[in-house]
Protein backbone atom coordinates (compact mmCIF):
# COMPACT_ATOMS: atom_id res chain seq x y z
CA MET A 1 0.80 -50.10 25.90
CA LYS A 2 0.31 -49.34 29.38
CA LYS A 3 -3.48 -48.72 30.39
CA ARG A 4 -4.43 -44.94 31.75
CA LYS A 5 -6.47 -45.08 35.49
CA ILE A 6 -9.68 -42.99 35.53
CA PRO A 7 -9.57 -41.14 38.27
CA LEU A 8 -12.67 -42.07 40.94
CA ARG A 9 -14.87 -39.00 42.26
CA LYS A 10 -18.16 -39.63 44.27
CA SER A 11 -20.90 -36.97 43.39
CA VAL A 12 -21.83 -36.16 47.28
CA VAL A 13 -26.10 -36.30 46.02
CA SER A 14 -25.57 -39.79 44.82
CA GLY A 15 -23.11 -41.21 46.39
CA GLU A 16 -21.41 -43.04 43.35
CA MET A 17 -18.30 -43.33 42.64
CA ILE A 18 -18.06 -41.88 38.67
CA PRO A 19 -15.04 -40.64 36.72
CA LYS A 20 -13.85 -37.11 37.57
CA LYS A 21 -14.81 -35.75 34.08
CA GLN A 22 -18.33 -36.39 34.01
CA LEU A 23 -18.56 -34.21 37.51
CA LEU A 24 -18.62 -30.90 38.37
CA ARG A 25 -16.76 -29.43 41.66
CA VAL A 26 -18.41 -26.82 43.62
CA THR A 27 -15.55 -25.53 46.23
CA ARG A 28 -15.72 -23.56 49.40
CA SER A 29 -12.92 -20.94 49.87
CA LYS A 30 -11.19 -20.14 53.47
CA GLU A 31 -12.62 -17.32 53.10
CA GLY A 32 -16.02 -18.87 52.44
CA ASP A 33 -16.91 -17.82 49.51
CA VAL A 34 -18.61 -21.31 47.56
CA SER A 35 -18.41 -21.16 43.44
CA ILE A 36 -18.48 -23.20 40.45
CA ASP A 37 -15.30 -24.78 40.50
CA PRO A 38 -15.88 -25.69 36.25
CA THR A 39 -11.62 -26.88 35.90
CA GLY A 40 -11.49 -28.66 39.30
CA LYS A 41 -8.37 -27.29 40.33
CA LYS A 42 -9.55 -24.30 42.08
CA PRO A 43 -8.32 -24.69 46.08
CA GLY A 44 -10.61 -24.75 48.94
CA ARG A 45 -12.83 -27.64 49.86
CA GLY A 46 -13.83 -29.29 47.05
CA ALA A 47 -17.31 -31.35 46.44
CA TYR A 48 -18.66 -33.08 43.73
CA ILE A 49 -22.64 -33.31 41.78
CA ALA A 50 -22.54 -35.58 38.57
CA ILE A 51 -23.50 -33.23 35.66
CA GLU A 52 -27.37 -34.39 35.51
CA PRO A 53 -29.91 -31.92 36.63
CA ASP A 54 -32.05 -34.00 38.57
CA GLU A 55 -29.57 -34.20 41.05
CA ALA A 56 -28.76 -30.79 40.73
CA GLN A 57 -32.52 -29.98 41.48
CA LEU A 58 -31.99 -32.93 44.81
CA ALA A 59 -28.65 -31.28 45.77
CA TRP A 60 -31.03 -27.86 46.11
CA ASP A 61 -34.03 -29.99 47.52
CA LYS A 62 -32.20 -31.27 49.87
CA ARG A 63 -29.70 -28.87 51.02
CA ILE A 64 -26.53 -30.94 50.59
CA LEU A 65 -23.92 -28.76 49.73
CA ASP A 66 -25.42 -26.60 53.08
CA ARG A 67 -24.08 -29.83 54.79
CA VAL A 68 -21.36 -31.08 52.74
CA LEU A 69 -19.04 -27.38 53.31
CA GLU A 70 -21.13 -26.54 55.80
CA THR A 71 -22.36 -23.16 54.95
CA LYS A 72 -25.78 -21.82 54.40
CA LEU A 73 -25.74 -21.32 50.73
CA SER A 74 -28.68 -18.87 48.42
CA ASP A 75 -31.20 -20.19 46.69
CA GLU A 76 -29.70 -18.03 43.65
CA PHE A 77 -26.47 -20.47 43.93
CA TYR A 78 -28.41 -23.39 43.38
CA GLN A 79 -30.41 -21.66 40.37
CA GLU A 80 -27.48 -20.49 38.67
CA LEU A 81 -25.81 -24.48 39.92
CA LEU A 82 -28.57 -25.59 37.95
CA ASP A 83 -28.37 -23.37 34.58
CA TYR A 84 -25.01 -24.91 34.26
CA VAL A 85 -25.54 -28.28 35.04
CA THR A 86 -28.16 -28.49 32.53
CA HIS A 87 -26.30 -26.17 30.13
CA GLN A 88 -23.21 -28.38 29.86
CA LYS A 89 -25.98 -31.46 29.70
CA ALA A 90 -26.78 -29.39 26.26
CA ARG A 91 -23.11 -29.49 25.16
CA ARG A 92 -22.48 -32.91 25.31
CA GLU A 93 -25.13 -33.82 24.49
CA LEU A 94 -25.09 -31.26 21.79
CA PHE A 95 -20.72 -31.95 21.05
CA GLY A 96 -20.42 -35.60 22.26
CA ASN A 97 -18.77 -36.49 25.20
CA GLU A 98 -15.72 -34.28 26.12
């Protein structure tokens, strides 16, 4: 049986190539709206970060997503991102790797 290729994406925070399923995509639409994209299929410019609370916190501290998505993000968005990543990490630990 042929072995399937695992798609890799680069985390904008750590710069590591990580399997796409272990990353979270954040998108900016043409209108400039930035949102968390759990499906990874929304249209627009995307940036990936690992589902690790410390990586989301580092992105907030250094305003990495502001630079990558070329927009100004609010502290509320970064807090929402941190909460989402923390929740997803807890779910993965509880239910196993999805």
